[in-house]
Amino acid sequence: LPSLMDLRGMPDLFGRELQVSITGHADEIAAAAS
């Protein structure tokens, strides 16, 4: 899976392009599992 997920360039709720959003995807899953 992508441990780090780069969301830059994707639109937000209002269509604005995300500029800095990089998600710690694996960390979020690890925390949920705990």
Full PDB file with SEQRES, HELIX, SHEET, SSBOND, CRYST1, ORIGX, SCALE, CONECT and MASTER records, all heavy atoms in Angstrom:
SEQRES   1 A   34  LEU PRO SER LEU MET ASP LEU ARG GLY MET PRO ASP LEU          
SEQRES   2 A   34  PHE GLY ARG GLU LEU GLN VAL SER ILE THR GLY HIS ALA          
SEQRES   3 A   34  ASP GLU ILE ALA ALA ALA ALA SER                              
HELIX    1 AA1 HIS A   25  ALA A   33  1                                   9    
SHEET    1 AA1 2 MET A   5  ASP A   6  0                                        
SHEET    2 AA1 2 ILE A  22  THR A  23 -1                                        
CRYST1    1.000    1.000    1.000  90.00  90.00  90.00 P 1           1          
ORIGX1      1.000000  0.000000  0.000000        0.00000                         
ORIGX2      0.000000  1.000000  0.000000        0.00000                         
ORIGX3      0.000000  0.000000  1.000000        0.00000                         
SCALE1      1.000000  0.000000  0.000000        0.00000                         
SCALE2      0.000000  1.000000  0.000000        0.00000                         
SCALE3      0.000000  0.000000  1.000000        0.00000                         
ATOM      1  N   LEU A   1       0.850  -1.187   0.000  1.00  0.00           N  
ATOM      2  CA  LEU A   1       0.000   0.000   0.000  1.00  0.00           C  
ATOM      3  C   LEU A   1       0.885   1.235   0.000  1.00  0.00           C  
ATOM      4  O   LEU A   1       2.079   1.144   0.303  1.00  0.00           O  
ATOM      5  CB  LEU A   1      -0.940   0.008   1.205  1.00  0.00           C  
ATOM      6  CG  LEU A   1      -0.408   0.431   2.586  1.00  0.00           C  
ATOM      7  CD1 LEU A   1      -1.543   0.523   3.582  1.00  0.00           C  
ATOM      8  CD2 LEU A   1       0.661  -0.499   3.104  1.00  0.00           C  
ATOM      9  N   PRO A   2       0.331   2.399  -0.328  1.00  0.00           N  
ATOM     10  CA  PRO A   2       1.131   3.619  -0.225  1.00  0.00           C  
ATOM     11  C   PRO A   2       1.229   4.069   1.230  1.00  0.00           C  
ATOM     12  O   PRO A   2       0.232   4.464   1.834  1.00  0.00           O  
ATOM     13  CB  PRO A   2       0.351   4.631  -1.078  1.00  0.00           C  
ATOM     14  CG  PRO A   2      -1.050   4.130  -1.100  1.00  0.00           C  
ATOM     15  CD  PRO A   2      -0.994   2.648  -0.930  1.00  0.00           C  
ATOM     16  N   SER A   3       2.421   3.988   1.803  1.00  0.00           N  
ATOM     17  CA  SER A   3       2.611   4.474   3.170  1.00  0.00           C  
ATOM     18  C   SER A   3       2.446   5.984   3.224  1.00  0.00           C  
ATOM     19  O   SER A   3       1.899   6.535   4.178  1.00  0.00           O  
ATOM     20  CB  SER A   3       4.001   4.087   3.685  1.00  0.00           C  
ATOM     21  OG  SER A   3       4.107   2.700   3.839  1.00  0.00           O  
ATOM     22  N   LEU A   4       2.944   6.629   2.202  1.00  0.00           N  
ATOM     23  CA  LEU A   4       2.852   8.080   2.068  1.00  0.00           C  
ATOM     24  C   LEU A   4       2.044   8.350   0.809  1.00  0.00           C  
ATOM     25  O   LEU A   4       2.398   7.885  -0.278  1.00  0.00           O  
ATOM     26  CB  LEU A   4       4.253   8.674   1.944  1.00  0.00           C  
ATOM     27  CG  LEU A   4       4.440  10.161   2.219  1.00  0.00           C  
ATOM     28  CD1 LEU A   4       4.186  10.480   3.685  1.00  0.00           C  
ATOM     29  CD2 LEU A   4       5.860  10.585   1.850  1.00  0.00           C  
ATOM     30  N   MET A   5       0.939   9.092   0.952  1.00  0.00           N  
ATOM     31  CA  MET A   5       0.034   9.300  -0.178  1.00  0.00           C  
ATOM     32  C   MET A   5       0.013  10.783  -0.538  1.00  0.00           C  
ATOM     33  O   MET A   5      -0.403  11.622   0.272  1.00  0.00           O  
ATOM     34  CB  MET A   5      -1.368   8.799   0.185  1.00  0.00           C  
ATOM     35  CG  MET A   5      -2.256   8.555  -0.991  1.00  0.00           C  
ATOM     36  SD  MET A   5      -3.502   7.276  -0.662  1.00  0.00           S  
ATOM     37  CE  MET A   5      -4.280   7.867   0.841  1.00  0.00           C  
ATOM     38  N   ASP A   6       0.485  11.087  -1.719  1.00  0.00           N  
ATOM     39  CA  ASP A   6       0.605  12.474  -2.175  1.00  0.00           C  
ATOM     40  C   ASP A   6      -0.711  12.916  -2.821  1.00  0.00           C  
ATOM     41  O   ASP A   6      -1.110  12.405  -3.873  1.00  0.00           O  
ATOM     42  CB  ASP A   6       1.754  12.585  -3.176  1.00  0.00           C  
ATOM     43  CG  ASP A   6       2.149  14.021  -3.480  1.00  0.00           C  
ATOM     44  OD1 ASP A   6       1.353  14.941  -3.156  1.00  0.00           O  
ATOM     45  OD2 ASP A   6       3.245  14.224  -4.030  1.00  0.00           O  
ATOM     46  N   LEU A   7      -1.395  13.857  -2.179  1.00  0.00           N  
ATOM     47  CA  LEU A   7      -2.687  14.352  -2.678  1.00  0.00           C  
ATOM     48  C   LEU A   7      -2.557  15.691  -3.403  1.00  0.00           C  
ATOM     49  O   LEU A   7      -3.568  16.266  -3.818  1.00  0.00           O  
ATOM     50  CB  LEU A   7      -3.668  14.498  -1.511  1.00  0.00           C  
ATOM     51  CG  LEU A   7      -3.905  13.244  -0.658  1.00  0.00           C  
ATOM     52  CD1 LEU A   7      -4.921  13.545   0.436  1.00  0.00           C  
ATOM     53  CD2 LEU A   7      -4.356  12.077  -1.508  1.00  0.00           C  
ATOM     54  N   ARG A   8      -1.340  16.181  -3.528  1.00  0.00           N  
ATOM     55  CA  ARG A   8      -1.154  17.471  -4.190  1.00  0.00           C  
ATOM     56  C   ARG A   8      -1.649  17.416  -5.633  1.00  0.00           C  
ATOM     57  O   ARG A   8      -1.412  16.447  -6.353  1.00  0.00           O  
ATOM     58  CB  ARG A   8       0.323  17.872  -4.150  1.00  0.00           C  
ATOM     59  CG  ARG A   8       0.827  18.207  -2.756  1.00  0.00           C  
ATOM     60  CD  ARG A   8       2.320  18.458  -2.729  1.00  0.00           C  
ATOM     61  NE  ARG A   8       3.060  17.246  -3.092  1.00  0.00           N  
ATOM     62  CZ  ARG A   8       4.390  17.176  -3.091  1.00  0.00           C  
ATOM     63  NH1 ARG A   8       5.116  18.247  -2.747  1.00  0.00           N  
ATOM     64  NH2 ARG A   8       4.994  16.039  -3.428  1.00  0.00           N  
ATOM     65  N   GLY A   9      -2.362  18.445  -6.028  1.00  0.00           N  
ATOM     66  CA  GLY A   9      -2.934  18.512  -7.368  1.00  0.00           C  
ATOM     67  C   GLY A   9      -4.363  18.041  -7.425  1.00  0.00           C  
ATOM     68  O   GLY A   9      -5.062  18.304  -8.409  1.00  0.00           O  
ATOM     69  N   MET A  10      -4.823  17.355  -6.392  1.00  0.00           N  
ATOM     70  CA  MET A  10      -6.219  16.917  -6.363  1.00  0.00           C  
ATOM     71  C   MET A  10      -7.105  18.068  -5.878  1.00  0.00           C  
ATOM     72  O   MET A  10      -6.651  18.972  -5.168  1.00  0.00           O  
ATOM     73  CB  MET A  10      -6.375  15.698  -5.436  1.00  0.00           C  
ATOM     74  CG  MET A  10      -5.624  14.466  -5.916  1.00  0.00           C  
ATOM     75  SD  MET A  10      -5.862  13.060  -4.793  1.00  0.00           S  
ATOM     76  CE  MET A  10      -7.645  12.837  -4.922  1.00  0.00           C  
ATOM     77  N   PRO A  11      -8.395  18.062  -6.237  1.00  0.00           N  
ATOM     78  CA  PRO A  11      -9.276  19.151  -5.809  1.00  0.00           C  
ATOM     79  C   PRO A  11      -9.789  18.947  -4.382  1.00  0.00           C  
ATOM     80  O   PRO A  11      -9.972  17.808  -3.935  1.00  0.00           O  
ATOM     81  CB  PRO A  11     -10.433  19.065  -6.811  1.00  0.00           C  
ATOM     82  CG  PRO A  11     -10.480  17.614  -7.194  1.00  0.00           C  
ATOM     83  CD  PRO A  11      -9.056  17.142  -7.181  1.00  0.00           C  
ATOM     84  N   ASP A  12     -10.006  20.052  -3.680  1.00  0.00           N  
ATOM     85  CA  ASP A  12     -10.682  19.964  -2.388  1.00  0.00           C  
ATOM     86  C   ASP A  12     -12.197  19.987  -2.612  1.00  0.00           C  
ATOM     87  O   ASP A  12     -12.676  19.873  -3.760  1.00  0.00           O  
ATOM     88  CB  ASP A  12     -10.215  21.066  -1.437  1.00  0.00           C  
ATOM     89  CG  ASP A  12     -10.697  22.467  -1.840  1.00  0.00           C  
ATOM     90  OD1 ASP A  12     -11.493  22.592  -2.811  1.00  0.00           O  
ATOM     91  OD2 ASP A  12     -10.296  23.435  -1.179  1.00  0.00           O  
ATOM     92  N   LEU A  13     -12.960  20.142  -1.544  1.00  0.00           N  
ATOM     93  CA  LEU A  13     -14.416  20.108  -1.627  1.00  0.00           C  
ATOM     94  C   LEU A  13     -14.968  21.157  -2.586  1.00  0.00           C  
ATOM     95  O   LEU A  13     -16.013  20.962  -3.214  1.00  0.00           O  
ATOM     96  CB  LEU A  13     -15.001  20.312  -0.222  1.00  0.00           C  
ATOM     97  CG  LEU A  13     -16.513  20.192  -0.051  1.00  0.00           C  
ATOM     98  CD1 LEU A  13     -16.987  18.790  -0.422  1.00  0.00           C  
ATOM     99  CD2 LEU A  13     -16.906  20.522   1.384  1.00  0.00           C  
ATOM    100  N   PHE A  14     -14.242  22.271  -2.725  1.00  0.00           N  
ATOM    101  CA  PHE A  14     -14.717  23.384  -3.549  1.00  0.00           C  
ATOM    102  C   PHE A  14     -13.939  23.511  -4.857  1.00  0.00           C  
ATOM    103  O   PHE A  14     -14.031  24.538  -5.537  1.00  0.00           O  
ATOM    104  CB  PHE A  14     -14.641  24.691  -2.753  1.00  0.00           C  
ATOM    105  CG  PHE A  14     -15.448  24.651  -1.483  1.00  0.00           C  
ATOM    106  CD1 PHE A  14     -14.832  24.441  -0.263  1.00  0.00           C  
ATOM    107  CD2 PHE A  14     -16.830  24.785  -1.517  1.00  0.00           C  
ATOM    108  CE1 PHE A  14     -15.572  24.378   0.904  1.00  0.00           C  
ATOM    109  CE2 PHE A  14     -17.582  24.730  -0.357  1.00  0.00           C  
ATOM    110  CZ  PHE A  14     -16.958  24.518   0.862  1.00  0.00           C  
ATOM    111  N   GLY A  15     -13.181  22.478  -5.192  1.00  0.00           N  
ATOM    112  CA  GLY A  15     -12.486  22.474  -6.471  1.00  0.00           C  
ATOM    113  C   GLY A  15     -11.132  23.135  -6.453  1.00  0.00           C  
ATOM    114  O   GLY A  15     -10.470  23.189  -7.492  1.00  0.00           O  
ATOM    115  N   ARG A  16     -10.703  23.643  -5.293  1.00  0.00           N  
ATOM    116  CA  ARG A  16      -9.369  24.235  -5.216  1.00  0.00           C  
ATOM    117  C   ARG A  16      -8.322  23.143  -5.200  1.00  0.00           C  
ATOM    118  O   ARG A  16      -8.484  22.105  -4.563  1.00  0.00           O  
ATOM    119  CB  ARG A  16      -9.239  25.094  -3.960  1.00  0.00           C  
ATOM    120  CG  ARG A  16     -10.155  26.302  -3.947  1.00  0.00           C  
ATOM    121  CD  ARG A  16      -9.957  27.138  -2.700  1.00  0.00           C  
ATOM    122  NE  ARG A  16      -8.600  27.656  -2.616  1.00  0.00           N  
ATOM    123  CZ  ARG A  16      -8.148  28.385  -1.597  1.00  0.00           C  
ATOM    124  NH1 ARG A  16      -8.943  28.655  -0.564  1.00  0.00           N  
ATOM    125  NH2 ARG A  16      -6.926  28.841  -1.588  1.00  0.00           N  
ATOM    126  N   GLU A  17      -7.216  23.392  -5.898  1.00  0.00           N  
ATOM    127  CA  GLU A  17      -6.164  22.387  -5.991  1.00  0.00           C  
ATOM    128  C   GLU A  17      -5.375  22.322  -4.696  1.00  0.00           C  
ATOM    129  O   GLU A  17      -4.901  23.330  -4.172  1.00  0.00           O  
ATOM    130  CB  GLU A  17      -5.230  22.753  -7.159  1.00  0.00           C  
ATOM    131  CG  GLU A  17      -4.164  21.706  -7.420  1.00  0.00           C  
ATOM    132  CD  GLU A  17      -3.315  22.067  -8.624  1.00  0.00           C  
ATOM    133  OE1 GLU A  17      -3.839  21.983  -9.757  1.00  0.00           O  
ATOM    134  OE2 GLU A  17      -2.136  22.448  -8.422  1.00  0.00           O  
ATOM    135  N   LEU A  18      -5.227  21.111  -4.158  1.00  0.00           N  
ATOM    136  CA  LEU A  18      -4.426  20.919  -2.947  1.00  0.00           C  
ATOM    137  C   LEU A  18      -2.961  21.190  -3.259  1.00  0.00           C  
ATOM    138  O   LEU A  18      -2.419  20.699  -4.257  1.00  0.00           O  
ATOM    139  CB  LEU A  18      -4.605  19.494  -2.415  1.00  0.00           C  
ATOM    140  CG  LEU A  18      -6.030  19.102  -1.988  1.00  0.00           C  
ATOM    141  CD1 LEU A  18      -6.081  17.620  -1.620  1.00  0.00           C  
ATOM    142  CD2 LEU A  18      -6.499  19.959  -0.814  1.00  0.00           C  
ATOM    143  N   GLN A  19      -2.314  21.949  -2.385  1.00  0.00           N  
ATOM    144  CA  GLN A  19      -0.942  22.382  -2.637  1.00  0.00           C  
ATOM    145  C   GLN A  19       0.094  21.624  -1.805  1.00  0.00           C  
ATOM    146  O   GLN A  19       1.219  21.397  -2.274  1.00  0.00           O  
ATOM    147  CB  GLN A  19      -0.813  23.890  -2.335  1.00  0.00           C  
ATOM    148  CG  GLN A  19      -1.720  24.769  -3.172  1.00  0.00           C  
ATOM    149  CD  GLN A  19      -1.335  24.765  -4.639  1.00  0.00           C  
ATOM    150  OE1 GLN A  19      -0.153  24.749  -4.979  1.00  0.00           O  
ATOM    151  NE2 GLN A  19      -2.330  24.771  -5.509  1.00  0.00           N  
ATOM    152  N   VAL A  20      -0.247  21.250  -0.585  1.00  0.00           N  
ATOM    153  CA  VAL A  20       0.760  20.688   0.326  1.00  0.00           C  
ATOM    154  C   VAL A  20       0.318  19.377   0.986  1.00  0.00           C  
ATOM    155  O   VAL A  20       1.022  18.856   1.852  1.00  0.00           O  
ATOM    156  CB  VAL A  20       1.134  21.699   1.426  1.00  0.00           C  
ATOM    157  CG1 VAL A  20       1.793  22.930   0.830  1.00  0.00           C  
ATOM    158  CG2 VAL A  20      -0.095  22.099   2.243  1.00  0.00           C  
ATOM    159  N   SER A  21      -0.817  18.833   0.619  1.00  0.00           N  
ATOM    160  CA  SER A  21      -1.395  17.690   1.334  1.00  0.00           C  
ATOM    161  C   SER A  21      -0.709  16.378   0.949  1.00  0.00           C  
ATOM    162  O   SER A  21      -0.890  15.867  -0.158  1.00  0.00           O  
ATOM    163  CB  SER A  21      -2.899  17.583   1.044  1.00  0.00           C  
ATOM    164  OG  SER A  21      -3.576  18.723   1.525  1.00  0.00           O  
ATOM    165  N   ILE A  22       0.076  15.873   1.870  1.00  0.00           N  
ATOM    166  CA  ILE A  22       0.680  14.548   1.756  1.00  0.00           C  
ATOM    167  C   ILE A  22       0.272  13.785   3.011  1.00  0.00           C  
ATOM    168  O   ILE A  22       0.553  14.213   4.125  1.00  0.00           O  
ATOM    169  CB  ILE A  22       2.210  14.621   1.639  1.00  0.00           C  
ATOM    170  CG1 ILE A  22       2.613  15.461   0.418  1.00  0.00           C  
ATOM    171  CG2 ILE A  22       2.816  13.224   1.544  1.00  0.00           C  
ATOM    172  CD1 ILE A  22       4.107  15.683   0.290  1.00  0.00           C  
ATOM    173  N   THR A  23      -0.413  12.657   2.841  1.00  0.00           N  
ATOM    174  CA  THR A  23      -1.005  11.936   3.956  1.00  0.00           C  
ATOM    175  C   THR A  23      -0.118  10.787   4.417  1.00  0.00           C  
ATOM    176  O   THR A  23       0.363   9.998   3.595  1.00  0.00           O  
ATOM    177  CB  THR A  23      -2.386  11.358   3.549  1.00  0.00           C  
ATOM    178  OG1 THR A  23      -3.223  12.420   3.120  1.00  0.00           O  
ATOM    179  CG2 THR A  23      -3.037  10.636   4.721  1.00  0.00           C  
ATOM    180  N   GLY A  24       0.089  10.681   5.718  1.00  0.00           N  
ATOM    181  CA  GLY A  24       0.787   9.543   6.306  1.00  0.00           C  
ATOM    182  C   GLY A  24      -0.177   8.368   6.408  1.00  0.00           C  
ATOM    183  O   GLY A  24      -0.599   7.981   7.501  1.00  0.00           O  
ATOM    184  N   HIS A  25      -0.489   7.782   5.253  1.00  0.00           N  
ATOM    185  CA  HIS A  25      -1.549   6.779   5.148  1.00  0.00           C  
ATOM    186  C   HIS A  25      -1.301   5.579   6.069  1.00  0.00           C  
ATOM    187  O   HIS A  25      -2.195   5.136   6.809  1.00  0.00           O  
ATOM    188  CB  HIS A  25      -1.627   6.330   3.687  1.00  0.00           C  
ATOM    189  CG  HIS A  25      -2.739   5.404   3.350  1.00  0.00           C  
ATOM    190  ND1 HIS A  25      -4.058   5.676   3.614  1.00  0.00           N  
ATOM    191  CD2 HIS A  25      -2.731   4.180   2.743  1.00  0.00           C  
ATOM    192  CE1 HIS A  25      -4.806   4.676   3.195  1.00  0.00           C  
ATOM    193  NE2 HIS A  25      -4.036   3.753   2.671  1.00  0.00           N  
ATOM    194  N   ALA A  26      -0.088   5.047   6.040  1.00  0.00           N  
ATOM    195  CA  ALA A  26       0.217   3.870   6.860  1.00  0.00           C  
ATOM    196  C   ALA A  26       0.190   4.202   8.349  1.00  0.00           C  
ATOM    197  O   ALA A  26      -0.218   3.371   9.169  1.00  0.00           O  
ATOM    198  CB  ALA A  26       1.573   3.293   6.472  1.00  0.00           C  
ATOM    199  N   ASP A  27       0.614   5.405   8.712  1.00  0.00           N  
ATOM    200  CA  ASP A  27       0.553   5.811  10.124  1.00  0.00           C  
ATOM    201  C   ASP A  27      -0.893   5.880  10.609  1.00  0.00           C  
ATOM    202  O   ASP A  27      -1.203   5.494  11.744  1.00  0.00           O  
ATOM    203  CB  ASP A  27       1.211   7.181  10.323  1.00  0.00           C  
ATOM    204  CG  ASP A  27       2.730   7.095  10.405  1.00  0.00           C  
ATOM    205  OD1 ASP A  27       3.264   5.981  10.552  1.00  0.00           O  
ATOM    206  OD2 ASP A  27       3.383   8.156  10.333  1.00  0.00           O  
ATOM    207  N   GLU A  28      -1.788   6.390   9.761  1.00  0.00           N  
ATOM    208  CA  GLU A  28      -3.190   6.476  10.160  1.00  0.00           C  
ATOM    209  C   GLU A  28      -3.778   5.089  10.397  1.00  0.00           C  
ATOM    210  O   GLU A  28      -4.532   4.861  11.347  1.00  0.00           O  
ATOM    211  CB  GLU A  28      -3.985   7.218   9.080  1.00  0.00           C  
ATOM    212  CG  GLU A  28      -3.630   8.696   8.984  1.00  0.00           C  
ATOM    213  CD  GLU A  28      -4.495   9.442   7.978  1.00  0.00           C  
ATOM    214  OE1 GLU A  28      -4.785   8.857   6.903  1.00  0.00           O  
ATOM    215  OE2 GLU A  28      -4.877  10.574   8.250  1.00  0.00           O  
ATOM    216  N   ILE A  29      -3.424   4.143   9.527  1.00  0.00           N  
ATOM    217  CA  ILE A  29      -3.916   2.773   9.691  1.00  0.00           C  
ATOM    218  C   ILE A  29      -3.314   2.142  10.943  1.00  0.00           C  
ATOM    219  O   ILE A  29      -4.002   1.451  11.716  1.00  0.00           O  
ATOM    220  CB  ILE A  29      -3.584   1.933   8.446  1.00  0.00           C  
ATOM    221  CG1 ILE A  29      -4.241   2.538   7.202  1.00  0.00           C  
ATOM    222  CG2 ILE A  29      -4.034   0.483   8.631  1.00  0.00           C  
ATOM    223  CD1 ILE A  29      -3.759   1.927   5.897  1.00  0.00           C  
ATOM    224  N   ALA A  30      -2.017   2.374  11.161  1.00  0.00           N  
ATOM    225  CA  ALA A  30      -1.341   1.817  12.334  1.00  0.00           C  
ATOM    226  C   ALA A  30      -1.985   2.312  13.623  1.00  0.00           C  
ATOM    227  O   ALA A  30      -2.185   1.541  14.575  1.00  0.00           O  
ATOM    228  CB  ALA A  30       0.141   2.188  12.306  1.00  0.00           C  
ATOM    229  N   ALA A  31      -2.319   3.597  13.665  1.00  0.00           N  
ATOM    230  CA  ALA A  31      -2.936   4.162  14.864  1.00  0.00           C  
ATOM    231  C   ALA A  31      -4.335   3.602  15.081  1.00  0.00           C  
ATOM    232  O   ALA A  31      -4.726   3.266  16.206  1.00  0.00           O  
ATOM    233  CB  ALA A  31      -2.988   5.687  14.750  1.00  0.00           C  
ATOM    234  N   ALA A  32      -5.099   3.468  13.993  1.00  0.00           N  
ATOM    235  CA  ALA A  32      -6.448   2.910  14.111  1.00  0.00           C  
ATOM    236  C   ALA A  32      -6.398   1.480  14.644  1.00  0.00           C  
ATOM    237  O   ALA A  32      -7.184   1.095  15.511  1.00  0.00           O  
ATOM    238  CB  ALA A  32      -7.152   2.962  12.757  1.00  0.00           C  
ATOM    239  N   ALA A  33      -5.473   0.691  14.140  1.00  0.00           N  
ATOM    240  CA  ALA A  33      -5.365  -0.703  14.571  1.00  0.00           C  
ATOM    241  C   ALA A  33      -5.046  -0.807  16.055  1.00  0.00           C  
ATOM    242  O   ALA A  33      -5.512  -1.724  16.740  1.00  0.00           O  
ATOM    243  CB  ALA A  33      -4.297  -1.420  13.747  1.00  0.00           C  
ATOM    244  N   SER A  34      -4.253   0.135  16.571  1.00  0.00           N  
ATOM    245  CA  SER A  34      -3.855   0.056  17.977  1.00  0.00           C  
ATOM    246  C   SER A  34      -5.026   0.268  18.922  1.00  0.00           C  
ATOM    247  O   SER A  34      -4.961  -0.121  20.094  1.00  0.00           O  
ATOM    248  CB  SER A  34      -2.748   1.071  18.280  1.00  0.00           C  
ATOM    249  OG  SER A  34      -3.247   2.391  18.271  1.00  0.00           O  
TER     250      SER A  34                                                      
MASTER        0    0    0    1    2    0    0    6  249    1    0    3          
END                                                                             
